[in-house]
Amino acid sequence: MGKHILKLELDYDFELIGISTHLKIHKLAWLLNKELNLNFTRLENHSLRKKGLESDSEFAKFQFDDEINRSVYTLLENKGINGLLVPELKNIDFFMLISGLAVINMADNFTNDIMQLEGVSSSMKLNIENLKSKNNLFIET
């Protein structure tokens, strides 16, 4: 009997914004809630098993389920205790993932609005397909 190989193709149906700031994640979430009328709440950390480490890497995670616009906003820390979530983007402190209907017209607006927040150095829309570590961004919602 021949060997069958199952190839899994992941669908990246979200927009990704990279944020550089000296702020802590809870302060950034608070500012996003206040200034952009979001409602981020703290969730359990995003865990990631990395090769060569005895324990999982943990990354802080906040999320807002916008039922009115049928969208989900996730704020993820890039710099955990055991390394980076996306190592090739070491200058990025946090990621905002936007999925659902808001993806169509909100990602560009959010990038500009986030850049205006006090304490934010930069905010940029990122191309997920160009990231080597893009699988690390898949999270349980």
N, C-alpha and C. Protein backbone atom coordinates (compact mmCIF):
# COMPACT_ATOMS: atom_id res chain seq x y z
N MET A 1 0.84 -1.18 0.00
CA MET A 1 0.00 0.00 0.00
C MET A 1 0.89 1.24 0.00
N GLY A 2 0.57 2.19 -0.83
CA GLY A 2 1.36 3.40 -0.97
C GLY A 2 1.17 4.37 0.18
N LYS A 3 2.11 5.25 0.30
CA LYS A 3 2.06 6.27 1.35
C LYS A 3 1.32 7.49 0.84
N HIS A 4 0.38 8.01 1.65
CA HIS A 4 -0.36 9.22 1.31
C HIS A 4 0.11 10.36 2.19
N ILE A 5 0.33 11.50 1.59
CA ILE A 5 0.77 12.68 2.34
C ILE A 5 -0.37 13.69 2.34
N LEU A 6 -0.73 14.11 3.52
CA LEU A 6 -1.78 15.11 3.67
C LEU A 6 -1.12 16.48 3.82
N LYS A 7 -1.43 17.36 2.90
CA LYS A 7 -0.88 18.70 2.95
C LYS A 7 -1.97 19.65 3.42
N LEU A 8 -1.70 20.36 4.51
CA LEU A 8 -2.67 21.28 5.09
C LEU A 8 -2.37 22.70 4.63
N GLU A 9 -3.35 23.30 3.99
CA GLU A 9 -3.22 24.68 3.51
C GLU A 9 -4.02 25.58 4.45
N LEU A 10 -3.34 26.48 5.14
CA LEU A 10 -4.01 27.38 6.08
C LEU A 10 -4.49 28.63 5.36
N ASP A 11 -5.65 29.12 5.77
CA ASP A 11 -6.24 30.31 5.17
C ASP A 11 -6.03 31.50 6.11
N TYR A 12 -5.32 32.49 5.63
CA TYR A 12 -5.03 33.67 6.44
C TYR A 12 -6.09 34.73 6.12
N ASP A 13 -7.27 34.56 6.69
CA ASP A 13 -8.39 35.45 6.38
C ASP A 13 -8.51 36.56 7.42
N PHE A 14 -7.39 37.17 7.72
CA PHE A 14 -7.38 38.30 8.64
C PHE A 14 -6.35 39.31 8.18
N GLU A 15 -6.54 40.54 8.59
CA GLU A 15 -5.55 41.59 8.33
C GLU A 15 -4.65 41.68 9.55
N LEU A 16 -3.43 42.09 9.34
CA LEU A 16 -2.44 42.15 10.40
C LEU A 16 -1.83 43.54 10.46
N ILE A 17 -1.87 44.12 11.66
CA ILE A 17 -1.26 45.43 11.89
C ILE A 17 -0.15 45.25 12.92
N GLY A 18 1.02 45.75 12.62
CA GLY A 18 2.14 45.73 13.57
C GLY A 18 2.22 47.07 14.29
N ILE A 19 2.45 47.00 15.61
CA ILE A 19 2.50 48.22 16.43
C ILE A 19 3.80 48.26 17.21
N SER A 20 4.51 49.37 17.13
CA SER A 20 5.71 49.59 17.93
C SER A 20 5.42 50.68 18.95
N THR A 21 5.68 50.36 20.22
CA THR A 21 5.40 51.31 21.30
C THR A 21 6.16 50.91 22.54
N HIS A 22 6.37 51.87 23.43
CA HIS A 22 6.98 51.56 24.73
C HIS A 22 5.92 51.19 25.76
N LEU A 23 4.64 51.29 25.38
CA LEU A 23 3.54 51.01 26.31
C LEU A 23 3.44 49.52 26.61
N LYS A 24 2.91 49.18 27.77
CA LYS A 24 2.58 47.81 28.13
C LYS A 24 1.27 47.45 27.44
N ILE A 25 1.03 46.17 27.26
CA ILE A 25 -0.14 45.73 26.50
C ILE A 25 -1.46 46.17 27.13
N HIS A 26 -1.55 46.15 28.48
CA HIS A 26 -2.80 46.57 29.11
C HIS A 26 -3.07 48.06 28.89
N LYS A 27 -2.03 48.88 28.87
CA LYS A 27 -2.18 50.31 28.61
C LYS A 27 -2.57 50.56 27.15
N LEU A 28 -1.96 49.81 26.24
CA LEU A 28 -2.31 49.93 24.82
C LEU A 28 -3.76 49.52 24.59
N ALA A 29 -4.19 48.42 25.20
CA ALA A 29 -5.58 47.98 25.07
C ALA A 29 -6.53 49.04 25.61
N TRP A 30 -6.18 49.64 26.74
CA TRP A 30 -7.02 50.69 27.33
C TRP A 30 -7.13 51.89 26.37
N LEU A 31 -6.00 52.30 25.79
CA LEU A 31 -6.02 53.42 24.84
C LEU A 31 -6.85 53.09 23.60
N LEU A 32 -6.71 51.88 23.09
CA LEU A 32 -7.49 51.47 21.92
C LEU A 32 -8.98 51.48 22.26
N ASN A 33 -9.32 51.02 23.44
CA ASN A 33 -10.72 51.04 23.87
C ASN A 33 -11.25 52.46 23.95
N LYS A 34 -10.47 53.32 24.57
CA LYS A 34 -10.89 54.70 24.81
C LYS A 34 -10.95 55.53 23.53
N GLU A 35 -9.90 55.46 22.73
CA GLU A 35 -9.79 56.33 21.57
C GLU A 35 -10.45 55.79 20.30
N LEU A 36 -10.54 54.47 20.16
CA LEU A 36 -11.09 53.89 18.94
C LEU A 36 -12.42 53.18 19.17
N ASN A 37 -12.98 53.38 20.37
CA ASN A 37 -14.29 52.80 20.72
C ASN A 37 -14.33 51.28 20.55
N LEU A 38 -13.26 50.63 20.98
CA LEU A 38 -13.22 49.17 21.00
C LEU A 38 -13.51 48.73 22.43
N ASN A 39 -13.53 47.43 22.65
CA ASN A 39 -13.81 46.92 23.98
C ASN A 39 -12.97 45.67 24.25
N PHE A 40 -11.66 45.84 24.21
CA PHE A 40 -10.74 44.72 24.44
C PHE A 40 -10.86 44.23 25.88
N THR A 41 -10.83 42.92 26.03
CA THR A 41 -10.76 42.30 27.36
C THR A 41 -9.62 41.30 27.35
N ARG A 42 -9.05 41.11 28.53
CA ARG A 42 -7.90 40.20 28.69
C ARG A 42 -8.38 38.76 28.61
N LEU A 43 -7.67 37.96 27.85
CA LEU A 43 -7.94 36.53 27.74
C LEU A 43 -6.74 35.74 28.24
N GLU A 44 -6.88 34.44 28.23
CA GLU A 44 -5.76 33.57 28.58
C GLU A 44 -4.64 33.80 27.57
N ASN A 45 -3.41 33.67 28.02
CA ASN A 45 -2.26 33.87 27.13
C ASN A 45 -2.30 32.93 25.93
N HIS A 46 -1.73 33.40 24.84
CA HIS A 46 -1.53 32.58 23.64
C HIS A 46 -0.28 31.75 23.89
N SER A 47 -0.41 30.44 23.87
CA SER A 47 0.72 29.54 24.13
C SER A 47 1.25 29.01 22.81
N LEU A 48 2.57 28.89 22.76
CA LEU A 48 3.21 28.42 21.55
C LEU A 48 4.36 27.51 21.93
N ARG A 49 4.38 26.31 21.40
CA ARG A 49 5.47 25.36 21.65
C ARG A 49 6.58 25.66 20.66
N LYS A 50 7.76 25.97 21.17
CA LYS A 50 8.89 26.25 20.31
C LYS A 50 9.93 25.15 20.46
N LYS A 51 10.54 24.80 19.36
CA LYS A 51 11.56 23.75 19.36
C LYS A 51 12.71 24.14 20.29
N GLY A 52 13.20 23.17 21.03
CA GLY A 52 14.35 23.39 21.89
C GLY A 52 14.03 23.96 23.26
N LEU A 53 12.78 24.33 23.50
CA LEU A 53 12.40 24.87 24.80
C LEU A 53 11.60 23.82 25.57
N GLU A 54 11.85 23.75 26.86
CA GLU A 54 11.14 22.78 27.69
C GLU A 54 9.70 23.20 27.97
N SER A 55 9.45 24.50 28.00
CA SER A 55 8.10 24.98 28.29
C SER A 55 7.58 25.82 27.11
N ASP A 56 6.26 25.97 27.07
CA ASP A 56 5.64 26.78 26.03
C ASP A 56 6.01 28.25 26.21
N SER A 57 6.07 28.96 25.09
CA SER A 57 6.21 30.42 25.15
C SER A 57 4.81 30.99 25.35
N GLU A 58 4.70 32.02 26.17
CA GLU A 58 3.41 32.64 26.48
C GLU A 58 3.41 34.09 25.99
N PHE A 59 2.30 34.46 25.37
CA PHE A 59 2.16 35.82 24.85
C PHE A 59 0.80 36.37 25.29
N ALA A 60 0.83 37.55 25.88
CA ALA A 60 -0.41 38.18 26.37
C ALA A 60 -1.37 38.40 25.20
N LYS A 61 -2.68 38.24 25.51
CA LYS A 61 -3.70 38.35 24.47
C LYS A 61 -4.93 39.08 25.00
N PHE A 62 -5.39 40.05 24.22
CA PHE A 62 -6.65 40.75 24.47
C PHE A 62 -7.52 40.55 23.23
N GLN A 63 -8.84 40.55 23.42
CA GLN A 63 -9.72 40.35 22.28
C GLN A 63 -11.02 41.14 22.43
N PHE A 64 -11.56 41.54 21.30
CA PHE A 64 -12.85 42.22 21.25
C PHE A 64 -13.68 41.58 20.14
N ASP A 65 -14.82 41.00 20.51
CA ASP A 65 -15.77 40.45 19.54
C ASP A 65 -16.82 41.51 19.27
N ASP A 66 -16.77 42.08 18.09
CA ASP A 66 -17.71 43.12 17.68
C ASP A 66 -18.88 42.45 16.97
N GLU A 67 -19.94 42.18 17.73
CA GLU A 67 -21.09 41.47 17.17
C GLU A 67 -21.86 42.31 16.18
N ILE A 68 -21.87 43.62 16.35
CA ILE A 68 -22.60 44.51 15.45
C ILE A 68 -21.99 44.45 14.04
N ASN A 69 -20.66 44.55 13.96
CA ASN A 69 -19.97 44.54 12.67
C ASN A 69 -19.47 43.14 12.28
N ARG A 70 -19.80 42.15 13.09
CA ARG A 70 -19.39 40.76 12.86
C ARG A 70 -17.90 40.64 12.58
N SER A 71 -17.12 41.17 13.52
CA SER A 71 -15.67 41.17 13.40
C SER A 71 -15.03 40.82 14.73
N VAL A 72 -13.80 40.34 14.65
CA VAL A 72 -13.04 40.01 15.85
C VAL A 72 -11.69 40.72 15.76
N TYR A 73 -11.36 41.42 16.84
CA TYR A 73 -10.09 42.13 16.94
C TYR A 73 -9.27 41.44 18.03
N THR A 74 -8.04 41.08 17.72
CA THR A 74 -7.17 40.43 18.69
C THR A 74 -5.88 41.23 18.80
N LEU A 75 -5.48 41.52 20.02
CA LEU A 75 -4.23 42.21 20.30
C LEU A 75 -3.29 41.20 20.93
N LEU A 76 -2.15 40.97 20.29
CA LEU A 76 -1.19 39.97 20.74
C LEU A 76 0.17 40.60 20.98
N GLU A 77 0.80 40.16 22.04
CA GLU A 77 2.15 40.59 22.38
C GLU A 77 3.13 39.83 21.47
N ASN A 78 4.14 40.51 20.95
CA ASN A 78 5.17 39.84 20.16
C ASN A 78 6.33 39.36 21.02
N LYS A 79 6.58 40.03 22.13
CA LYS A 79 7.74 39.72 22.97
C LYS A 79 7.32 39.03 24.26
N GLY A 80 7.49 37.70 24.27
CA GLY A 80 7.16 36.91 25.46
C GLY A 80 8.42 36.63 26.27
N ILE A 81 8.25 35.88 27.35
CA ILE A 81 9.38 35.56 28.22
C ILE A 81 10.42 34.70 27.51
N ASN A 82 9.96 33.76 26.68
CA ASN A 82 10.87 32.83 26.01
C ASN A 82 11.14 33.20 24.55
N GLY A 83 11.01 34.45 24.19
CA GLY A 83 11.33 34.85 22.83
C GLY A 83 10.20 35.60 22.15
N LEU A 84 10.31 35.66 20.83
CA LEU A 84 9.38 36.42 20.00
C LEU A 84 8.34 35.52 19.34
N LEU A 85 7.13 36.01 19.23
CA LEU A 85 6.07 35.30 18.53
C LEU A 85 6.40 35.22 17.04
N VAL A 86 6.82 36.34 16.47
CA VAL A 86 7.24 36.42 15.07
C VAL A 86 8.67 36.96 15.06
N PRO A 87 9.65 36.05 15.12
CA PRO A 87 11.05 36.48 15.27
C PRO A 87 11.58 37.41 14.19
N GLU A 88 11.07 37.31 12.97
CA GLU A 88 11.58 38.16 11.91
C GLU A 88 11.10 39.60 12.03
N LEU A 89 10.19 39.87 12.96
CA LEU A 89 9.71 41.24 13.19
C LEU A 89 10.02 41.67 14.62
N LYS A 90 11.30 41.66 14.96
CA LYS A 90 11.71 41.98 16.33
C LYS A 90 11.48 43.44 16.71
N ASN A 91 11.27 44.32 15.72
CA ASN A 91 10.99 45.73 16.01
C ASN A 91 9.50 45.98 16.30
N ILE A 92 8.67 44.97 16.13
CA ILE A 92 7.23 45.09 16.40
C ILE A 92 6.96 44.59 17.82
N ASP A 93 6.25 45.39 18.61
CA ASP A 93 5.93 45.02 19.99
C ASP A 93 4.61 44.26 20.10
N PHE A 94 3.63 44.64 19.27
CA PHE A 94 2.29 44.04 19.34
C PHE A 94 1.72 43.87 17.95
N PHE A 95 0.80 42.92 17.84
CA PHE A 95 0.07 42.70 16.60
C PHE A 95 -1.41 42.87 16.87
N MET A 96 -2.11 43.49 15.92
CA MET A 96 -3.57 43.51 15.96
C MET A 96 -4.04 42.71 14.75
N LEU A 97 -4.78 41.65 15.02
CA LEU A 97 -5.37 40.83 13.98
C LEU A 97 -6.83 41.23 13.86
N ILE A 98 -7.28 41.48 12.64
CA ILE A 98 -8.67 41.87 12.41
C ILE A 98 -9.28 40.88 11.43
N SER A 99 -10.34 40.21 11.87
CA SER A 99 -11.02 39.25 11.00
C SER A 99 -12.51 39.56 10.97
N GLY A 100 -13.17 39.08 9.93
CA GLY A 100 -14.60 39.33 9.79
C GLY A 100 -14.87 40.45 8.80
N LEU A 101 -16.03 41.03 8.89
CA LEU A 101 -16.44 42.07 7.94
C LEU A 101 -15.59 43.34 8.02
N ALA A 102 -15.03 43.63 9.18
CA ALA A 102 -14.23 44.85 9.33
C ALA A 102 -12.95 44.81 8.50
N VAL A 103 -12.52 43.63 8.12
CA VAL A 103 -11.30 43.49 7.33
C VAL A 103 -11.39 44.30 6.05
N ILE A 104 -12.57 44.33 5.48
CA ILE A 104 -12.75 44.96 4.17
C ILE A 104 -12.37 46.44 4.18
N ASN A 105 -12.75 47.17 5.22
CA ASN A 105 -12.51 48.61 5.16
C ASN A 105 -11.91 49.22 6.42
N MET A 106 -11.61 48.44 7.44
CA MET A 106 -11.16 49.04 8.68
C MET A 106 -9.65 48.97 8.91
N ALA A 107 -8.95 48.02 8.33
CA ALA A 107 -7.53 47.83 8.62
C ALA A 107 -6.70 49.08 8.31
N ASP A 108 -6.94 49.68 7.16
CA ASP A 108 -6.18 50.89 6.80
C ASP A 108 -6.50 52.04 7.75
N ASN A 109 -7.78 52.20 8.09
CA ASN A 109 -8.18 53.26 9.01
C ASN A 109 -7.55 53.05 10.39
N PHE A 110 -7.58 51.81 10.88
CA PHE A 110 -7.00 51.53 12.19
C PHE A 110 -5.50 51.81 12.21
N THR A 111 -4.81 51.48 11.15
CA THR A 111 -3.37 51.73 11.09
C THR A 111 -3.08 53.22 11.33
N ASN A 112 -3.82 54.08 10.66
CA ASN A 112 -3.65 55.53 10.82
C ASN A 112 -4.07 56.00 12.21
N ASP A 113 -5.20 55.49 12.70
CA ASP A 113 -5.70 55.89 14.01
C ASP A 113 -4.77 55.45 15.14
N ILE A 114 -4.23 54.26 15.04
CA ILE A 114 -3.29 53.75 16.06
C ILE A 114 -2.04 54.61 16.10
N MET A 115 -1.59 55.02 14.93
CA MET A 115 -0.38 55.85 14.84
C MET A 115 -0.55 57.17 15.59
N GLN A 116 -1.77 57.65 15.73
CA GLN A 116 -2.05 58.92 16.40
C GLN A 116 -2.09 58.79 17.92
N LEU A 117 -2.12 57.56 18.45
CA LEU A 117 -2.19 57.36 19.90
C LEU A 117 -0.90 57.78 20.58
N GLU A 118 -1.04 58.43 21.73
CA GLU A 118 0.12 58.87 22.49
C GLU A 118 0.91 57.65 22.96
N GLY A 119 2.21 57.66 22.68
CA GLY A 119 3.07 56.55 23.09
C GLY A 119 3.33 55.53 22.00
N VAL A 120 2.64 55.63 20.87
CA VAL A 120 2.85 54.70 19.77
C VAL A 120 3.88 55.30 18.81
N SER A 121 4.94 54.54 18.55
CA SER A 121 6.00 55.00 17.65
C SER A 121 5.65 54.77 16.19
N SER A 122 5.08 53.58 15.91
CA SER A 122 4.67 53.29 14.54
C SER A 122 3.58 52.23 14.52
N SER A 123 2.85 52.26 13.42
CA SER A 123 1.75 51.31 13.19
C SER A 123 1.72 51.06 11.69
N MET A 124 1.74 49.79 11.30
CA MET A 124 1.79 49.49 9.87
C MET A 124 1.02 48.22 9.54
N LYS A 125 0.39 48.23 8.39
CA LYS A 125 -0.28 47.04 7.89
C LYS A 125 0.80 46.11 7.36
N LEU A 126 0.72 44.84 7.75
CA LEU A 126 1.74 43.87 7.37
C LEU A 126 1.17 42.85 6.39
N ASN A 127 2.03 42.37 5.49
CA ASN A 127 1.64 41.32 4.55
C ASN A 127 1.92 39.97 5.20
N ILE A 128 0.88 39.26 5.56
CA ILE A 128 1.00 37.98 6.26
C ILE A 128 1.76 36.97 5.43
N GLU A 129 1.53 36.96 4.15
CA GLU A 129 2.14 35.95 3.27
C GLU A 129 3.66 36.03 3.25
N ASN A 130 4.23 37.18 3.56
CA ASN A 130 5.69 37.34 3.54
C ASN A 130 6.37 36.90 4.83
N LEU A 131 5.61 36.50 5.84
CA LEU A 131 6.20 36.14 7.13
C LEU A 131 6.55 34.66 7.20
N LYS A 132 7.76 34.37 7.63
CA LYS A 132 8.17 32.98 7.84
C LYS A 132 7.39 32.34 8.98
N SER A 133 7.13 33.10 10.02
CA SER A 133 6.49 32.58 11.24
C SER A 133 4.99 32.85 11.28
N LYS A 134 4.35 32.97 10.13
CA LYS A 134 2.93 33.33 10.09
C LYS A 134 2.04 32.32 10.80
N ASN A 135 2.45 31.06 10.87
CA ASN A 135 1.64 30.05 11.57
C ASN A 135 1.55 30.33 13.06
N ASN A 136 2.50 31.07 13.62
CA ASN A 136 2.45 31.42 15.04
C ASN A 136 1.30 32.35 15.38
N LEU A 137 0.73 32.99 14.36
CA LEU A 137 -0.35 33.95 14.58
C LEU A 137 -1.73 33.30 14.62
N PHE A 138 -1.82 32.01 14.33
CA PHE A 138 -3.11 31.33 14.45
C PHE A 138 -3.43 31.13 15.90
N ILE A 139 -4.59 31.64 16.32
CA ILE A 139 -4.96 31.60 17.73
C ILE A 139 -6.34 31.01 17.88
N GLU A 140 -6.60 30.51 19.07
CA GLU A 140 -7.95 30.06 19.41
C GLU A 140 -8.77 31.28 19.79
N THR A 141 -9.97 31.37 19.23
CA THR A 141 -10.83 32.51 19.58
C THR A 141 -11.99 32.05 20.41
